[in-house]
Amino acid sequence: MLSLKKVMNKEFELYDKLYTPVLNSIPYEKIYTKPEGTYLCGYQKGRWDRIPELYEKMIAFAKKNDLKLTGYAYELGLNEFVISSQEDYITQIMIKIDK
């Protein structure tokens, strides 16, 4: 997870937290739960070094469409366990839209 401030400052490698979906709620005080709401979602195919391109496209899209983003950017690898080449890696990025 990256704070929106870090995304805007292009600090793409300074992660704040680790994001991973879980099937059941875990009662532990240090676990952060992704807030419900509407998210701007983007997808990137290829190596991790291409992820900044996706962030830049998402920020440009949000500005063009007057979307106010908030909170954290959540990154999720969608197929990391089934690929044989990093070029086939698919990453989903989600950033909450403030209404």
N, C-alpha and C. Protein backbone atom coordinates (compact mmCIF):
# COMPACT_ATOMS: atom_id res chain seq x y z
N MET A 1 0.84 -1.17 0.00
CA MET A 1 0.00 0.00 0.00
C MET A 1 0.89 1.23 0.00
N LEU A 2 0.48 2.19 -0.78
CA LEU A 2 1.17 3.48 -0.84
C LEU A 2 0.18 4.58 -0.49
N SER A 3 0.61 5.53 0.31
CA SER A 3 -0.26 6.67 0.59
C SER A 3 -0.43 7.47 -0.69
N LEU A 4 -1.56 8.13 -0.81
CA LEU A 4 -1.82 8.95 -1.99
C LEU A 4 -0.75 10.03 -2.12
N LYS A 5 -0.27 10.55 -1.00
CA LYS A 5 0.80 11.56 -1.04
C LYS A 5 2.04 11.01 -1.73
N LYS A 6 2.43 9.78 -1.41
CA LYS A 6 3.60 9.18 -2.05
C LYS A 6 3.35 8.94 -3.53
N VAL A 7 2.14 8.54 -3.88
CA VAL A 7 1.81 8.35 -5.30
C VAL A 7 1.97 9.67 -6.04
N MET A 8 1.43 10.74 -5.48
CA MET A 8 1.51 12.06 -6.13
C MET A 8 2.95 12.56 -6.23
N ASN A 9 3.79 12.16 -5.27
CA ASN A 9 5.21 12.56 -5.28
C ASN A 9 6.09 11.57 -6.06
N LYS A 10 5.45 10.58 -6.68
CA LYS A 10 6.15 9.56 -7.48
C LYS A 10 7.15 8.76 -6.65
N GLU A 11 6.81 8.53 -5.39
CA GLU A 11 7.63 7.70 -4.50
C GLU A 11 7.05 6.28 -4.52
N PHE A 12 7.17 5.63 -5.66
CA PHE A 12 6.48 4.36 -5.88
C PHE A 12 7.11 3.16 -5.18
N GLU A 13 8.28 3.31 -4.63
CA GLU A 13 8.95 2.16 -4.01
C GLU A 13 9.03 2.26 -2.50
N LEU A 14 8.39 3.26 -1.93
CA LEU A 14 8.42 3.46 -0.48
C LEU A 14 7.07 3.08 0.12
N TYR A 15 6.80 1.79 0.18
CA TYR A 15 5.50 1.29 0.62
C TYR A 15 5.25 1.57 2.10
N ASP A 16 3.97 1.85 2.42
CA ASP A 16 3.56 2.11 3.80
C ASP A 16 3.13 0.84 4.52
N LYS A 17 2.44 -0.03 3.81
CA LYS A 17 1.90 -1.26 4.40
C LYS A 17 1.85 -2.33 3.32
N LEU A 18 1.63 -3.56 3.75
CA LEU A 18 1.44 -4.68 2.83
C LEU A 18 -0.06 -4.92 2.69
N TYR A 19 -0.53 -5.07 1.44
CA TYR A 19 -1.94 -5.35 1.19
C TYR A 19 -2.09 -6.77 0.66
N THR A 20 -2.97 -7.52 1.29
CA THR A 20 -3.32 -8.85 0.80
C THR A 20 -4.75 -9.16 1.23
N PRO A 21 -5.56 -9.67 0.32
CA PRO A 21 -6.93 -10.03 0.72
C PRO A 21 -6.92 -11.26 1.63
N VAL A 22 -7.88 -11.31 2.54
CA VAL A 22 -8.06 -12.48 3.40
C VAL A 22 -9.52 -12.92 3.32
N LEU A 23 -9.76 -14.20 3.53
CA LEU A 23 -11.11 -14.74 3.41
C LEU A 23 -11.98 -14.45 4.63
N ASN A 24 -11.38 -14.45 5.79
CA ASN A 24 -12.14 -14.23 7.03
C ASN A 24 -11.56 -13.06 7.80
N SER A 25 -12.42 -12.41 8.56
CA SER A 25 -11.98 -11.32 9.41
C SER A 25 -11.03 -11.86 10.48
N ILE A 26 -9.97 -11.13 10.71
CA ILE A 26 -8.99 -11.54 11.72
C ILE A 26 -8.99 -10.48 12.83
N PRO A 27 -9.36 -10.83 14.04
CA PRO A 27 -9.40 -9.84 15.12
C PRO A 27 -8.00 -9.55 15.65
N TYR A 28 -7.35 -8.60 15.02
CA TYR A 28 -6.00 -8.24 15.42
C TYR A 28 -5.86 -6.74 15.24
N GLU A 29 -5.43 -6.04 16.26
CA GLU A 29 -5.43 -4.58 16.24
C GLU A 29 -4.51 -3.96 15.20
N LYS A 30 -3.50 -4.67 14.72
CA LYS A 30 -2.57 -4.08 13.77
C LYS A 30 -2.95 -4.35 12.31
N ILE A 31 -4.09 -4.96 12.09
CA ILE A 31 -4.54 -5.22 10.72
C ILE A 31 -5.39 -4.04 10.26
N TYR A 32 -5.06 -3.53 9.10
CA TYR A 32 -5.79 -2.42 8.49
C TYR A 32 -6.76 -3.00 7.47
N THR A 33 -8.01 -2.59 7.52
CA THR A 33 -9.01 -3.08 6.58
C THR A 33 -9.26 -2.02 5.51
N LYS A 34 -9.25 -2.46 4.26
CA LYS A 34 -9.52 -1.54 3.15
C LYS A 34 -10.95 -1.02 3.28
N PRO A 35 -11.13 0.30 3.28
CA PRO A 35 -12.47 0.86 3.44
C PRO A 35 -13.38 0.52 2.26
N GLU A 36 -14.66 0.35 2.57
CA GLU A 36 -15.63 0.15 1.51
C GLU A 36 -15.76 1.45 0.72
N GLY A 37 -16.22 1.34 -0.50
CA GLY A 37 -16.43 2.54 -1.30
C GLY A 37 -16.17 2.28 -2.77
N THR A 38 -16.11 3.35 -3.51
CA THR A 38 -15.86 3.30 -4.95
C THR A 38 -14.38 3.55 -5.18
N TYR A 39 -13.79 2.71 -6.02
CA TYR A 39 -12.35 2.80 -6.28
C TYR A 39 -12.09 2.98 -7.77
N LEU A 40 -11.09 3.78 -8.08
CA LEU A 40 -10.55 3.86 -9.43
C LEU A 40 -9.60 2.68 -9.56
N CYS A 41 -9.84 1.83 -10.55
CA CYS A 41 -9.02 0.62 -10.73
C CYS A 41 -8.28 0.68 -12.05
N GLY A 42 -7.05 0.23 -12.02
CA GLY A 42 -6.24 0.14 -13.23
C GLY A 42 -5.49 -1.17 -13.24
N TYR A 43 -5.12 -1.60 -14.45
CA TYR A 43 -4.42 -2.87 -14.61
C TYR A 43 -3.19 -2.67 -15.47
N GLN A 44 -2.10 -3.33 -15.09
CA GLN A 44 -0.84 -3.23 -15.82
C GLN A 44 -0.33 -4.64 -16.10
N LYS A 45 -0.02 -4.90 -17.35
CA LYS A 45 0.59 -6.18 -17.70
C LYS A 45 2.08 -5.94 -17.91
N GLY A 46 2.88 -6.77 -17.30
CA GLY A 46 4.32 -6.65 -17.48
C GLY A 46 5.07 -6.56 -16.16
N ARG A 47 6.32 -6.28 -16.28
CA ARG A 47 7.23 -6.23 -15.13
C ARG A 47 6.82 -5.13 -14.16
N TRP A 48 7.27 -5.29 -12.91
CA TRP A 48 6.94 -4.31 -11.88
C TRP A 48 7.48 -2.92 -12.19
N ASP A 49 8.55 -2.84 -12.95
CA ASP A 49 9.11 -1.51 -13.24
C ASP A 49 8.20 -0.68 -14.14
N ARG A 50 7.11 -1.27 -14.63
CA ARG A 50 6.14 -0.54 -15.44
C ARG A 50 4.99 0.02 -14.61
N ILE A 51 4.93 -0.35 -13.34
CA ILE A 51 3.82 0.10 -12.49
C ILE A 51 3.73 1.63 -12.39
N PRO A 52 4.84 2.38 -12.32
CA PRO A 52 4.71 3.84 -12.29
C PRO A 52 3.94 4.40 -13.48
N GLU A 53 4.04 3.78 -14.64
CA GLU A 53 3.26 4.22 -15.81
C GLU A 53 1.77 4.17 -15.51
N LEU A 54 1.35 3.09 -14.87
CA LEU A 54 -0.07 2.95 -14.54
C LEU A 54 -0.52 4.00 -13.54
N TYR A 55 0.29 4.24 -12.52
CA TYR A 55 -0.06 5.29 -11.56
C TYR A 55 -0.23 6.64 -12.26
N GLU A 56 0.67 6.96 -13.16
CA GLU A 56 0.59 8.24 -13.87
C GLU A 56 -0.67 8.32 -14.72
N LYS A 57 -1.05 7.22 -15.38
CA LYS A 57 -2.28 7.20 -16.19
C LYS A 57 -3.51 7.35 -15.29
N MET A 58 -3.49 6.70 -14.15
CA MET A 58 -4.64 6.78 -13.24
C MET A 58 -4.80 8.19 -12.68
N ILE A 59 -3.70 8.82 -12.30
CA ILE A 59 -3.77 10.20 -11.78
C ILE A 59 -4.27 11.14 -12.86
N ALA A 60 -3.78 10.99 -14.08
CA ALA A 60 -4.23 11.82 -15.20
C ALA A 60 -5.73 11.61 -15.45
N PHE A 61 -6.18 10.37 -15.42
CA PHE A 61 -7.60 10.07 -15.62
C PHE A 61 -8.45 10.73 -14.53
N ALA A 62 -8.00 10.62 -13.29
CA ALA A 62 -8.75 11.22 -12.17
C ALA A 62 -8.84 12.73 -12.33
N LYS A 63 -7.75 13.38 -12.70
CA LYS A 63 -7.77 14.83 -12.90
C LYS A 63 -8.69 15.22 -14.04
N LYS A 64 -8.60 14.51 -15.14
CA LYS A 64 -9.42 14.81 -16.33
C LYS A 64 -10.91 14.66 -16.02
N ASN A 65 -11.26 13.73 -15.15
CA ASN A 65 -12.65 13.45 -14.84
C ASN A 65 -13.10 14.01 -13.49
N ASP A 66 -12.31 14.93 -12.94
CA ASP A 66 -12.63 15.60 -11.67
C ASP A 66 -12.94 14.61 -10.54
N LEU A 67 -12.15 13.56 -10.45
CA LEU A 67 -12.29 12.60 -9.36
C LEU A 67 -11.31 12.95 -8.26
N LYS A 68 -11.80 13.03 -7.04
CA LYS A 68 -10.92 13.30 -5.91
C LYS A 68 -10.53 11.96 -5.28
N LEU A 69 -9.25 11.67 -5.32
CA LEU A 69 -8.74 10.42 -4.76
C LEU A 69 -8.33 10.63 -3.31
N THR A 70 -8.37 9.55 -2.54
CA THR A 70 -8.07 9.66 -1.12
C THR A 70 -7.48 8.35 -0.58
N GLY A 71 -6.81 8.44 0.53
CA GLY A 71 -6.34 7.24 1.23
C GLY A 71 -5.08 6.64 0.65
N TYR A 72 -5.16 5.36 0.38
CA TYR A 72 -4.02 4.58 -0.09
C TYR A 72 -4.27 4.01 -1.48
N ALA A 73 -3.18 3.68 -2.15
CA ALA A 73 -3.24 2.89 -3.38
C ALA A 73 -2.96 1.45 -2.98
N TYR A 74 -3.82 0.56 -3.42
CA TYR A 74 -3.69 -0.87 -3.11
C TYR A 74 -3.23 -1.59 -4.36
N GLU A 75 -2.15 -2.33 -4.26
CA GLU A 75 -1.63 -3.11 -5.39
C GLU A 75 -1.89 -4.59 -5.13
N LEU A 76 -2.33 -5.27 -6.16
CA LEU A 76 -2.62 -6.69 -6.03
C LEU A 76 -2.14 -7.42 -7.28
N GLY A 77 -1.27 -8.40 -7.10
CA GLY A 77 -0.84 -9.26 -8.20
C GLY A 77 -1.93 -10.27 -8.48
N LEU A 78 -2.43 -10.30 -9.70
CA LEU A 78 -3.58 -11.16 -10.01
C LEU A 78 -3.21 -12.56 -10.46
N ASN A 79 -2.00 -12.73 -10.98
CA ASN A 79 -1.67 -14.04 -11.55
C ASN A 79 -0.24 -14.49 -11.24
N GLU A 80 0.33 -13.99 -10.19
CA GLU A 80 1.75 -14.25 -9.91
C GLU A 80 2.10 -15.72 -9.70
N PHE A 81 1.13 -16.54 -9.36
CA PHE A 81 1.42 -17.95 -9.10
C PHE A 81 1.28 -18.84 -10.33
N VAL A 82 0.84 -18.29 -11.44
CA VAL A 82 0.57 -19.13 -12.61
C VAL A 82 1.35 -18.70 -13.86
N ILE A 83 2.27 -17.77 -13.73
CA ILE A 83 2.99 -17.29 -14.91
C ILE A 83 4.42 -17.82 -14.91
N SER A 84 5.00 -17.87 -16.09
CA SER A 84 6.39 -18.31 -16.20
C SER A 84 7.31 -17.16 -16.58
N SER A 85 6.74 -16.03 -16.97
CA SER A 85 7.53 -14.87 -17.37
C SER A 85 7.00 -13.62 -16.68
N GLN A 86 7.91 -12.76 -16.22
CA GLN A 86 7.48 -11.50 -15.59
C GLN A 86 6.73 -10.61 -16.56
N GLU A 87 6.92 -10.80 -17.84
CA GLU A 87 6.21 -10.00 -18.84
C GLU A 87 4.71 -10.28 -18.83
N ASP A 88 4.31 -11.42 -18.27
CA ASP A 88 2.89 -11.79 -18.21
C ASP A 88 2.23 -11.42 -16.89
N TYR A 89 2.99 -10.81 -15.99
CA TYR A 89 2.48 -10.43 -14.68
C TYR A 89 1.38 -9.38 -14.83
N ILE A 90 0.27 -9.54 -14.13
CA ILE A 90 -0.82 -8.57 -14.17
C ILE A 90 -1.01 -8.01 -12.76
N THR A 91 -0.93 -6.69 -12.66
CA THR A 91 -1.09 -5.99 -11.39
C THR A 91 -2.36 -5.14 -11.44
N GLN A 92 -3.15 -5.22 -10.39
CA GLN A 92 -4.31 -4.35 -10.25
C GLN A 92 -3.97 -3.29 -9.20
N ILE A 93 -4.30 -2.04 -9.50
CA ILE A 93 -4.14 -0.95 -8.54
C ILE A 93 -5.50 -0.32 -8.30
N MET A 94 -5.81 -0.10 -7.02
CA MET A 94 -7.09 0.49 -6.63
C MET A 94 -6.83 1.70 -5.74
N ILE A 95 -7.46 2.82 -6.07
CA ILE A 95 -7.36 4.04 -5.26
C ILE A 95 -8.77 4.53 -4.99
N LYS A 96 -9.08 4.78 -3.73
CA LYS A 96 -10.45 5.18 -3.35
C LYS A 96 -10.80 6.56 -3.90
N ILE A 97 -12.03 6.65 -4.39
CA ILE A 97 -12.56 7.93 -4.87
C ILE A 97 -13.37 8.53 -3.73
N ASP A 98 -13.05 9.77 -3.37
CA ASP A 98 -13.76 10.48 -2.31
C ASP A 98 -14.99 11.13 -2.92
N LYS A 99 -16.15 10.84 -2.36
CA LYS A 99 -17.40 11.40 -2.92
C LYS A 99 -17.78 12.69 -2.26
